[in-house]
Amino acid sequence: MTTLNFLKNLIYSNNKSKKSVDIDDNLSDNQNILLITKEKRDQLLQENQELLKEKTKLQQTVKIQQQENEAKAEALYEEMLDIYDSLEFLINYLDNNLQEDNFNPKAFKRLPKFTSSMQEKLLTILSRREVEKIDFNGDIPDFSICQVVEREIREDIPDQTITKIVRQGFKIKEKILRYVEVITAKSEV
């Protein structure tokens, strides 16, 4: 909306005793004429300029935020490519060292350590983004952080006792991203 249109849509007044400026000379006499004081016009123009400045600042802020988000995404992709490279190395390592005709027991023993280091890399990537593993070591599910995904018949332990943690849970700040998935005991019916 132009300043002229903005001013035209303001206050219509028939009070001609005030010092005023006629905005549109083309209006006929039987129509309401927009009259506005010089001070009011100057105030409106000043407010319009301030709004334009604010709009420019907001556009700049949005552009900066977009650039920051792109940089964060690129950093995440680079870290994920590092994990990809580790997996590719693992596949080649297994292919070369765990074949029947070329089985290497030392290579097999190093496998858990290598996969554990990849898991630690992933946890580090998540931690940089404030995603943390939920620490839960209880025997009974805490339903604010746990989800029972299966029940198994067990007579040697009390009902509802956790028998296995199937998947670790994760949270970002206080929001649960994934509940700790558990299997619990149940008595045979």
C-alpha atoms as a PDB file:
ATOM      1  CA  MET A   1       0.000   0.000   0.000  1.00  0.00           C
ATOM      2  CA  THR A   2       1.459   3.363  -0.965  1.00  0.00           C
ATOM      3  CA  THR A   3       1.691   6.201   1.500  1.00  0.00           C
ATOM      4  CA  LEU A   4      -0.972   8.123  -0.420  1.00  0.00           C
ATOM      5  CA  ASN A   5      -3.416   5.216  -0.281  1.00  0.00           C
ATOM      6  CA  PHE A   6      -2.573   4.688   3.363  1.00  0.00           C
ATOM      7  CA  LEU A   7      -3.371   8.291   4.122  1.00  0.00           C
ATOM      8  CA  LYS A   8      -6.569   8.188   2.051  1.00  0.00           C
ATOM      9  CA  ASN A   9      -7.825   5.260   4.107  1.00  0.00           C
ATOM     10  CA  LEU A  10      -7.351   7.115   7.375  1.00  0.00           C
ATOM     11  CA  ILE A  11      -9.772   9.532   8.963  1.00  0.00           C
ATOM     12  CA  TYR A  12     -12.411  11.313   6.887  1.00  0.00           C
ATOM     13  CA  SER A  13     -13.391  14.566   8.407  1.00  0.00           C
ATOM     14  CA  ASN A  14     -15.760  17.403   7.551  1.00  0.00           C
ATOM     15  CA  ASN A  15     -14.135  19.662  10.075  1.00  0.00           C
ATOM     16  CA  LYS A  16     -12.584  22.326   7.841  1.00  0.00           C
ATOM     17  CA  SER A  17     -11.682  24.673  10.640  1.00  0.00           C
ATOM     18  CA  LYS A  18      -8.382  22.821  11.252  1.00  0.00           C
ATOM     19  CA  LYS A  19      -5.328  23.635   9.198  1.00  0.00           C
ATOM     20  CA  SER A  20      -5.289  20.757   6.701  1.00  0.00           C
ATOM     21  CA  VAL A  21      -3.926  19.527   3.432  1.00  0.00           C
ATOM     22  CA  ASP A  22      -6.234  18.147   0.758  1.00  0.00           C
ATOM     23  CA  ILE A  23      -4.845  14.740  -0.297  1.00  0.00           C
ATOM     24  CA  ASP A  24      -6.933  14.217  -3.406  1.00  0.00           C
ATOM     25  CA  ASP A  25      -8.108  17.226  -5.427  1.00  0.00           C
ATOM     26  CA  ASN A  26     -10.135  14.990  -7.746  1.00  0.00           C
ATOM     27  CA  LEU A  27     -12.818  14.131  -5.191  1.00  0.00           C
ATOM     28  CA  SER A  28     -16.160  15.774  -5.896  1.00  0.00           C
ATOM     29  CA  ASP A  29     -17.716  18.215  -3.446  1.00  0.00           C
ATOM     30  CA  ASN A  30     -20.487  15.877  -2.333  1.00  0.00           C
ATOM     31  CA  GLN A  31     -17.976  13.233  -1.191  1.00  0.00           C
ATOM     32  CA  ASN A  32     -16.174  13.187   2.113  1.00  0.00           C
ATOM     33  CA  ILE A  33     -12.793  14.799   1.753  1.00  0.00           C
ATOM     34  CA  LEU A  34      -9.797  13.430   3.555  1.00  0.00           C
ATOM     35  CA  LEU A  35      -8.298  16.213   5.573  1.00  0.00           C
ATOM     36  CA  ILE A  36      -5.161  15.786   7.564  1.00  0.00           C
ATOM     37  CA  THR A  37      -2.969  18.187   9.433  1.00  0.00           C
ATOM     38  CA  LYS A  38       0.618  18.709   8.407  1.00  0.00           C
ATOM     39  CA  GLU A  39       1.753  17.390  11.781  1.00  0.00           C
ATOM     40  CA  LYS A  40      -0.344  14.229  11.379  1.00  0.00           C
ATOM     41  CA  ARG A  41       0.973  13.745   7.845  1.00  0.00           C
ATOM     42  CA  ASP A  42       4.559  14.130   9.042  1.00  0.00           C
ATOM     43  CA  GLN A  43       3.896  11.692  11.881  1.00  0.00           C
ATOM     44  CA  LEU A  44       2.400   9.124   9.486  1.00  0.00           C
ATOM     45  CA  LEU A  45       5.294   9.501   7.067  1.00  0.00           C
ATOM     46  CA  GLN A  46       7.742   9.029   9.939  1.00  0.00           C
ATOM     47  CA  GLU A  47       5.884   5.898  11.113  1.00  0.00           C
ATOM     48  CA  ASN A  48       5.893   4.580   7.547  1.00  0.00           C
ATOM     49  CA  GLN A  49       9.661   5.112   7.298  1.00  0.00           C
ATOM     50  CA  GLU A  50      10.166   3.325  10.612  1.00  0.00           C
ATOM     51  CA  LEU A  51       8.053   0.397   9.412  1.00  0.00           C
ATOM     52  CA  LEU A  52      10.096   0.178   6.215  1.00  0.00           C
ATOM     53  CA  LYS A  53      13.317   0.177   8.256  1.00  0.00           C
ATOM     54  CA  GLU A  54      11.917  -2.552  10.504  1.00  0.00           C
ATOM     55  CA  LYS A  55      10.885  -4.582   7.449  1.00  0.00           C
ATOM     56  CA  THR A  56      14.433  -4.314   6.066  1.00  0.00           C
ATOM     57  CA  LYS A  57      15.924  -5.384   9.402  1.00  0.00           C
ATOM     58  CA  LEU A  58      13.564  -8.367   9.577  1.00  0.00           C
ATOM     59  CA  GLN A  59      14.471  -9.400   6.027  1.00  0.00           C
ATOM     60  CA  GLN A  60      18.160  -9.221   6.953  1.00  0.00           C
ATOM     61  CA  THR A  61      17.535 -11.271  10.100  1.00  0.00           C
ATOM     62  CA  VAL A  62      15.685 -13.935   8.109  1.00  0.00           C
ATOM     63  CA  LYS A  63      18.527 -14.091   5.583  1.00  0.00           C
ATOM     64  CA  ILE A  64      21.123 -14.471   8.362  1.00  0.00           C
ATOM     65  CA  GLN A  65      19.058 -17.222  10.013  1.00  0.00           C
ATOM     66  CA  GLN A  66      18.736 -19.047   6.690  1.00  0.00           C
ATOM     67  CA  GLN A  67      22.507 -18.886   6.212  1.00  0.00           C
ATOM     68  CA  GLU A  68      23.086 -20.169   9.756  1.00  0.00           C
ATOM     69  CA  ASN A  69      20.623 -23.037   9.202  1.00  0.00           C
ATOM     70  CA  GLU A  70      22.335 -23.954   5.936  1.00  0.00           C
ATOM     71  CA  ALA A  71      25.731 -23.961   7.678  1.00  0.00           C
ATOM     72  CA  LYS A  72      24.365 -26.203  10.458  1.00  0.00           C
ATOM     73  CA  ALA A  73      22.871 -28.581   7.900  1.00  0.00           C
ATOM     74  CA  GLU A  74      26.156 -28.741   5.983  1.00  0.00           C
ATOM     75  CA  ALA A  75      28.042 -29.500   9.210  1.00  0.00           C
ATOM     76  CA  LEU A  76      25.581 -32.311   9.975  1.00  0.00           C
ATOM     77  CA  TYR A  77      25.989 -33.748   6.491  1.00  0.00           C
ATOM     78  CA  GLU A  78      29.774 -33.689   6.833  1.00  0.00           C
ATOM     79  CA  GLU A  79      29.536 -35.558  10.131  1.00  0.00           C
ATOM     80  CA  MET A  80      27.145 -38.090   8.631  1.00  0.00           C
ATOM     81  CA  LEU A  81      29.548 -38.621   5.739  1.00  0.00           C
ATOM     82  CA  ASP A  82      32.216 -39.435   8.329  1.00  0.00           C
ATOM     83  CA  ILE A  83      29.928 -42.185   9.666  1.00  0.00           C
ATOM     84  CA  TYR A  84      29.303 -43.364   6.097  1.00  0.00           C
ATOM     85  CA  ASP A  85      33.063 -43.604   5.543  1.00  0.00           C
ATOM     86  CA  SER A  86      33.422 -45.625   8.745  1.00  0.00           C
ATOM     87  CA  LEU A  87      30.695 -48.022   7.632  1.00  0.00           C
ATOM     88  CA  GLU A  88      32.295 -48.374   4.221  1.00  0.00           C
ATOM     89  CA  PHE A  89      35.621 -49.155   5.895  1.00  0.00           C
ATOM     90  CA  LEU A  90      33.886 -51.729   8.122  1.00  0.00           C
ATOM     91  CA  ILE A  91      32.279 -53.450   5.141  1.00  0.00           C
ATOM     92  CA  ASN A  92      35.613 -53.669   3.320  1.00  0.00           C
ATOM     93  CA  TYR A  93      37.352 -54.797   6.506  1.00  0.00           C
ATOM     94  CA  LEU A  94      34.822 -57.582   7.051  1.00  0.00           C
ATOM     95  CA  ASP A  95      34.961 -58.560   3.410  1.00  0.00           C
ATOM     96  CA  ASN A  96      38.758 -58.888   3.540  1.00  0.00           C
ATOM     97  CA  ASN A  97      39.210 -60.448   6.981  1.00  0.00           C
ATOM     98  CA  LEU A  98      36.190 -62.612   7.733  1.00  0.00           C
ATOM     99  CA  GLN A  99      35.973 -64.732   4.588  1.00  0.00           C
ATOM    100  CA  GLU A 100      36.110 -68.501   5.187  1.00  0.00           C
ATOM    101  CA  ASP A 101      39.293 -68.895   3.161  1.00  0.00           C
ATOM    102  CA  ASN A 102      40.904 -65.815   4.741  1.00  0.00           C
ATOM    103  CA  PHE A 103      39.444 -65.740   8.286  1.00  0.00           C
ATOM    104  CA  ASN A 104      41.448 -63.556  10.650  1.00  0.00           C
ATOM    105  CA  PRO A 105      40.558 -64.107  14.364  1.00  0.00           C
ATOM    106  CA  LYS A 106      42.269 -60.841  15.390  1.00  0.00           C
ATOM    107  CA  ALA A 107      40.088 -58.910  12.951  1.00  0.00           C
ATOM    108  CA  PHE A 108      37.004 -60.584  14.380  1.00  0.00           C
ATOM    109  CA  LYS A 109      38.029 -59.602  17.929  1.00  0.00           C
ATOM    110  CA  ARG A 110      38.451 -55.946  16.857  1.00  0.00           C
ATOM    111  CA  LEU A 111      34.956 -55.799  15.395  1.00  0.00           C
ATOM    112  CA  PRO A 112      33.083 -54.850  18.634  1.00  0.00           C
ATOM    113  CA  LYS A 113      35.597 -52.085  19.399  1.00  0.00           C
ATOM    114  CA  PHE A 114      35.272 -50.657  15.891  1.00  0.00           C
ATOM    115  CA  THR A 115      31.459 -50.689  15.912  1.00  0.00           C
ATOM    116  CA  SER A 116      31.490 -49.159  19.397  1.00  0.00           C
ATOM    117  CA  SER A 117      33.634 -46.277  18.122  1.00  0.00           C
ATOM    118  CA  MET A 118      31.091 -45.653  15.335  1.00  0.00           C
ATOM    119  CA  GLN A 119      28.315 -45.600  17.926  1.00  0.00           C
ATOM    120  CA  GLU A 120      30.290 -43.056  19.964  1.00  0.00           C
ATOM    121  CA  LYS A 121      30.705 -40.878  16.858  1.00  0.00           C
ATOM    122  CA  LEU A 122      26.944 -40.904  16.363  1.00  0.00           C
ATOM    123  CA  LEU A 123      26.324 -40.036  20.015  1.00  0.00           C
ATOM    124  CA  THR A 124      28.766 -37.122  19.675  1.00  0.00           C
ATOM    125  CA  ILE A 125      26.946 -35.841  16.582  1.00  0.00           C
ATOM    126  CA  LEU A 126      23.632 -36.077  18.430  1.00  0.00           C
ATOM    127  CA  SER A 127      25.051 -34.440  21.547  1.00  0.00           C
ATOM    128  CA  ARG A 128      26.198 -31.418  19.532  1.00  0.00           C
ATOM    129  CA  ARG A 129      22.559 -30.947  18.632  1.00  0.00           C
ATOM    130  CA  GLU A 130      21.428 -31.330  22.258  1.00  0.00           C
ATOM    131  CA  VAL A 131      20.104 -34.856  21.696  1.00  0.00           C
ATOM    132  CA  GLU A 132      21.009 -37.020  24.674  1.00  0.00           C
ATOM    133  CA  LYS A 133      20.600 -40.690  25.468  1.00  0.00           C
ATOM    134  CA  ILE A 134      18.097 -41.322  28.265  1.00  0.00           C
ATOM    135  CA  ASP A 135      19.857 -42.901  31.216  1.00  0.00           C
ATOM    136  CA  PHE A 136      17.570 -45.573  32.606  1.00  0.00           C
ATOM    137  CA  ASN A 137      18.673 -48.516  34.709  1.00  0.00           C
ATOM    138  CA  GLY A 138      15.516 -49.372  36.625  1.00  0.00           C
ATOM    139  CA  ASP A 139      13.873 -52.769  36.992  1.00  0.00           C
ATOM    140  CA  ILE A 140      10.325 -51.438  36.612  1.00  0.00           C
ATOM    141  CA  PRO A 141       9.351 -49.304  33.590  1.00  0.00           C
ATOM    142  CA  ASP A 142       9.032 -45.558  34.162  1.00  0.00           C
ATOM    143  CA  PHE A 143       6.279 -44.800  31.668  1.00  0.00           C
ATOM    144  CA  SER A 144       7.338 -41.173  31.357  1.00  0.00           C
ATOM    145  CA  ILE A 145      10.448 -42.403  29.502  1.00  0.00           C
ATOM    146  CA  CYS A 146       9.744 -46.109  28.764  1.00  0.00           C
ATOM    147  CA  GLN A 147       7.506 -47.951  26.359  1.00  0.00           C
ATOM    148  CA  VAL A 148       6.779 -51.662  26.744  1.00  0.00           C
ATOM    149  CA  VAL A 149       7.052 -53.215  23.279  1.00  0.00           C
ATOM    150  CA  GLU A 150       6.726 -56.865  24.292  1.00  0.00           C
ATOM    151  CA  ARG A 151       5.925 -59.078  27.265  1.00  0.00           C
ATOM    152  CA  GLU A 152       7.483 -62.455  27.930  1.00  0.00           C
ATOM    153  CA  ILE A 153       6.370 -65.189  30.276  1.00  0.00           C
ATOM    154  CA  ARG A 154       8.775 -65.426  33.192  1.00  0.00           C
ATOM    155  CA  GLU A 155       8.003 -67.199  36.458  1.00  0.00           C
ATOM    156  CA  ASP A 156      11.384 -66.465  38.077  1.00  0.00           C
ATOM    157  CA  ILE A 157      10.877 -62.683  38.440  1.00  0.00           C
ATOM    158  CA  PRO A 158       7.960 -60.413  39.457  1.00  0.00           C
ATOM    159  CA  ASP A 159       5.375 -59.246  36.935  1.00  0.00           C
ATOM    160  CA  GLN A 160       6.253 -55.969  35.096  1.00  0.00           C
ATOM    161  CA  THR A 161       9.998 -56.420  35.712  1.00  0.00           C
ATOM    162  CA  ILE A 162      12.115 -55.309  32.768  1.00  0.00           C
ATOM    163  CA  THR A 163      13.851 -58.294  31.206  1.00  0.00           C
ATOM    164  CA  LYS A 164      15.541 -56.472  28.343  1.00  0.00           C
ATOM    165  CA  ILE A 165      16.042 -52.992  26.921  1.00  0.00           C
ATOM    166  CA  VAL A 166      15.372 -53.372  23.198  1.00  0.00           C
ATOM    167  CA  ARG A 167      16.234 -49.830  22.075  1.00  0.00           C
ATOM    168  CA  GLN A 168      17.766 -46.898  23.900  1.00  0.00           C
ATOM    169  CA  GLY A 169      15.667 -43.783  24.323  1.00  0.00           C
ATOM    170  CA  PHE A 170      16.694 -40.256  23.364  1.00  0.00           C
ATOM    171  CA  LYS A 171      15.555 -36.776  24.307  1.00  0.00           C
ATOM    172  CA  ILE A 172      16.229 -33.264  23.125  1.00  0.00           C
ATOM    173  CA  LYS A 173      16.264 -31.008  26.164  1.00  0.00           C
ATOM    174  CA  GLU A 174      13.202 -32.294  28.054  1.00  0.00           C
ATOM    175  CA  LYS A 175      11.257 -33.555  25.017  1.00  0.00           C
ATOM    176  CA  ILE A 176      11.291 -37.309  24.411  1.00  0.00           C
ATOM    177  CA  LEU A 177      12.353 -38.133  20.840  1.00  0.00           C
ATOM    178  CA  ARG A 178      12.184 -41.878  21.368  1.00  0.00           C
ATOM    179  CA  TYR A 179      11.132 -43.746  24.470  1.00  0.00           C
ATOM    180  CA  VAL A 180      13.311 -46.462  25.977  1.00  0.00           C
ATOM    181  CA  GLU A 181      11.780 -49.614  24.465  1.00  0.00           C
ATOM    182  CA  VAL A 182      11.650 -52.515  26.909  1.00  0.00           C
ATOM    183  CA  ILE A 183      10.437 -56.081  27.278  1.00  0.00           C
ATOM    184  CA  THR A 184       8.798 -56.890  30.597  1.00  0.00           C
ATOM    185  CA  ALA A 185       7.954 -60.092  32.412  1.00  0.00           C
ATOM    186  CA  LYS A 186       4.457 -61.425  32.855  1.00  0.00           C
ATOM    187  CA  SER A 187       3.128 -64.385  34.758  1.00  0.00           C
ATOM    188  CA  GLU A 188       1.702 -67.308  32.855  1.00  0.00           C
ATOM    189  CA  VAL A 189      -2.075 -67.134  32.958  1.00  0.00           C
END
